[in-house]
Amino acid sequence: MEEFAGEVFAPLTRADQRVKGGSYLRGLLLDRRRKSMQPMAGRLGGVDHQQVRQYMTSLLAG
């Protein structure tokens, strides 16, 4: 999983963006029903859902 995330987010120049991308990807793949930011961040433990939301907004806008 880490290797795949590394490949997917390799084009991003900032390391923090690559880390957040990996967290988002893990959140999507977790075996739970809700895929909205807050529940995903809670399952990942220690991840701020606002940061994940801001990250995704910046990727989609950019």
N, C-alpha and C. Protein backbone atom coordinates (compact mmCIF):
# COMPACT_ATOMS: atom_id res chain seq x y z
N MET A 1 0.82 -1.19 0.00
CA MET A 1 0.00 0.00 0.00
C MET A 1 0.87 1.26 0.00
N GLU A 2 1.89 1.27 0.84
CA GLU A 2 2.77 2.43 0.92
C GLU A 2 3.49 2.66 -0.41
N GLU A 3 3.90 1.57 -1.03
CA GLU A 3 4.60 1.68 -2.31
C GLU A 3 3.66 2.25 -3.38
N PHE A 4 2.43 1.78 -3.39
CA PHE A 4 1.44 2.27 -4.35
C PHE A 4 1.18 3.76 -4.14
N ALA A 5 0.97 4.15 -2.88
CA ALA A 5 0.73 5.56 -2.57
C ALA A 5 1.93 6.40 -2.97
N GLY A 6 3.13 5.88 -2.75
CA GLY A 6 4.33 6.60 -3.16
C GLY A 6 4.37 6.86 -4.65
N GLU A 7 3.96 5.88 -5.42
CA GLU A 7 3.92 6.03 -6.88
C GLU A 7 2.84 7.02 -7.31
N VAL A 8 1.67 6.91 -6.71
CA VAL A 8 0.54 7.76 -7.09
C VAL A 8 0.85 9.23 -6.80
N PHE A 9 1.44 9.49 -5.65
CA PHE A 9 1.66 10.87 -5.23
C PHE A 9 3.08 11.37 -5.47
N ALA A 10 3.89 10.60 -6.18
CA ALA A 10 5.27 11.00 -6.48
C ALA A 10 5.37 12.33 -7.23
N PRO A 11 4.44 12.65 -8.14
CA PRO A 11 4.55 13.92 -8.85
C PRO A 11 4.40 15.17 -7.97
N LEU A 12 3.83 15.01 -6.77
CA LEU A 12 3.68 16.16 -5.88
C LEU A 12 5.04 16.57 -5.35
N THR A 13 5.33 17.85 -5.40
CA THR A 13 6.67 18.32 -5.03
C THR A 13 6.89 18.39 -3.52
N ARG A 14 5.83 18.61 -2.76
CA ARG A 14 6.00 18.75 -1.30
C ARG A 14 5.76 17.43 -0.59
N ALA A 15 6.65 17.12 0.34
CA ALA A 15 6.56 15.87 1.09
C ALA A 15 5.28 15.80 1.91
N ASP A 16 4.85 16.92 2.50
CA ASP A 16 3.63 16.90 3.31
C ASP A 16 2.41 16.58 2.45
N GLN A 17 2.40 16.99 1.20
CA GLN A 17 1.30 16.66 0.31
C GLN A 17 1.29 15.17 0.00
N ARG A 18 2.46 14.59 -0.16
CA ARG A 18 2.53 13.15 -0.43
C ARG A 18 2.05 12.35 0.78
N VAL A 19 2.39 12.80 1.97
CA VAL A 19 1.96 12.12 3.20
C VAL A 19 0.44 12.21 3.34
N LYS A 20 -0.11 13.40 3.14
CA LYS A 20 -1.56 13.58 3.25
C LYS A 20 -2.30 12.77 2.19
N GLY A 21 -1.72 12.70 1.01
CA GLY A 21 -2.32 11.89 -0.05
C GLY A 21 -2.37 10.43 0.33
N GLY A 22 -1.29 9.93 0.94
CA GLY A 22 -1.27 8.55 1.40
C GLY A 22 -2.31 8.29 2.47
N SER A 23 -2.48 9.27 3.37
CA SER A 23 -3.50 9.13 4.42
C SER A 23 -4.89 9.08 3.82
N TYR A 24 -5.14 9.95 2.85
CA TYR A 24 -6.45 9.97 2.21
C TYR A 24 -6.73 8.65 1.49
N LEU A 25 -5.73 8.14 0.81
CA LEU A 25 -5.88 6.88 0.10
C LEU A 25 -6.18 5.74 1.07
N ARG A 26 -5.46 5.67 2.19
CA ARG A 26 -5.72 4.65 3.20
C ARG A 26 -7.14 4.78 3.73
N GLY A 27 -7.58 6.03 3.96
CA GLY A 27 -8.94 6.25 4.45
C GLY A 27 -9.99 5.73 3.49
N LEU A 28 -9.75 5.90 2.20
CA LEU A 28 -10.71 5.40 1.21
C LEU A 28 -10.76 3.88 1.17
N LEU A 29 -9.64 3.25 1.45
CA LEU A 29 -9.57 1.80 1.34
C LEU A 29 -9.94 1.06 2.61
N LEU A 30 -10.12 1.77 3.72
CA LEU A 30 -10.52 1.12 4.96
C LEU A 30 -11.90 0.50 4.80
N ASP A 31 -12.12 -0.59 5.47
CA ASP A 31 -13.37 -1.32 5.37
C ASP A 31 -14.43 -0.70 6.29
N ARG A 32 -14.96 0.40 5.87
CA ARG A 32 -16.04 1.07 6.59
C ARG A 32 -17.01 1.64 5.57
N ARG A 33 -18.16 2.04 6.03
CA ARG A 33 -19.18 2.54 5.11
C ARG A 33 -18.97 4.00 4.73
N ARG A 34 -18.74 4.86 5.70
CA ARG A 34 -18.68 6.30 5.44
C ARG A 34 -17.31 6.70 4.93
N LYS A 35 -17.28 7.41 3.82
CA LYS A 35 -16.03 7.85 3.24
C LYS A 35 -15.86 9.37 3.30
N SER A 36 -16.69 10.05 4.11
CA SER A 36 -16.52 11.49 4.25
C SER A 36 -15.29 11.76 5.11
N MET A 37 -14.79 12.96 5.05
CA MET A 37 -13.49 13.31 5.66
C MET A 37 -13.42 13.04 7.15
N GLN A 38 -14.41 13.47 7.91
CA GLN A 38 -14.33 13.34 9.36
C GLN A 38 -14.30 11.89 9.82
N PRO A 39 -15.19 11.01 9.36
CA PRO A 39 -15.10 9.61 9.78
C PRO A 39 -13.80 8.93 9.33
N MET A 40 -13.35 9.26 8.11
CA MET A 40 -12.09 8.67 7.63
C MET A 40 -10.92 9.10 8.51
N ALA A 41 -10.85 10.38 8.83
CA ALA A 41 -9.75 10.88 9.65
C ALA A 41 -9.78 10.24 11.04
N GLY A 42 -10.97 10.04 11.59
CA GLY A 42 -11.09 9.40 12.89
C GLY A 42 -10.57 7.97 12.88
N ARG A 43 -10.85 7.23 11.80
CA ARG A 43 -10.36 5.86 11.70
C ARG A 43 -8.86 5.79 11.49
N LEU A 44 -8.29 6.82 10.87
CA LEU A 44 -6.85 6.83 10.64
C LEU A 44 -6.08 7.16 11.91
N GLY A 45 -6.72 7.79 12.87
CA GLY A 45 -6.09 8.12 14.14
C GLY A 45 -5.05 9.21 14.01
N GLY A 46 -5.27 10.31 14.68
CA GLY A 46 -4.30 11.39 14.70
C GLY A 46 -4.26 12.24 13.43
N VAL A 47 -5.23 12.05 12.56
CA VAL A 47 -5.29 12.83 11.32
C VAL A 47 -6.40 13.85 11.46
N ASP A 48 -6.08 15.12 11.23
CA ASP A 48 -7.06 16.19 11.32
C ASP A 48 -7.90 16.23 10.05
N HIS A 49 -9.20 16.03 10.18
CA HIS A 49 -10.05 15.97 9.00
C HIS A 49 -10.06 17.28 8.22
N GLN A 50 -9.85 18.40 8.90
CA GLN A 50 -9.79 19.68 8.20
C GLN A 50 -8.57 19.75 7.28
N GLN A 51 -7.44 19.20 7.72
CA GLN A 51 -6.24 19.17 6.89
C GLN A 51 -6.46 18.30 5.66
N VAL A 52 -7.12 17.17 5.84
CA VAL A 52 -7.38 16.28 4.71
C VAL A 52 -8.33 16.97 3.73
N ARG A 53 -9.35 17.63 4.24
CA ARG A 53 -10.30 18.36 3.39
C ARG A 53 -9.59 19.47 2.62
N GLN A 54 -8.76 20.23 3.32
CA GLN A 54 -8.02 21.31 2.67
C GLN A 54 -7.08 20.78 1.61
N TYR A 55 -6.45 19.66 1.90
CA TYR A 55 -5.54 19.01 0.94
C TYR A 55 -6.29 18.64 -0.33
N MET A 56 -7.43 17.98 -0.19
CA MET A 56 -8.19 17.55 -1.37
C MET A 56 -8.70 18.75 -2.15
N THR A 57 -9.12 19.78 -1.47
CA THR A 57 -9.58 21.00 -2.15
C THR A 57 -8.46 21.62 -2.96
N SER A 58 -7.26 21.66 -2.39
CA SER A 58 -6.13 22.27 -3.10
C SER A 58 -5.74 21.42 -4.32
N LEU A 59 -5.83 20.10 -4.21
CA LEU A 59 -5.51 19.25 -5.36
C LEU A 59 -6.51 19.43 -6.49
N LEU A 60 -7.78 19.49 -6.13
CA LEU A 60 -8.82 19.60 -7.14
C LEU A 60 -8.84 20.99 -7.79
N ALA A 61 -8.41 22.00 -7.05
CA ALA A 61 -8.41 23.36 -7.59
C ALA A 61 -7.18 23.61 -8.46
N GLY A 62 -6.14 22.83 -8.20
CA GLY A 62 -4.89 23.14 -8.79
C GLY A 62 -4.40 22.62 -9.99
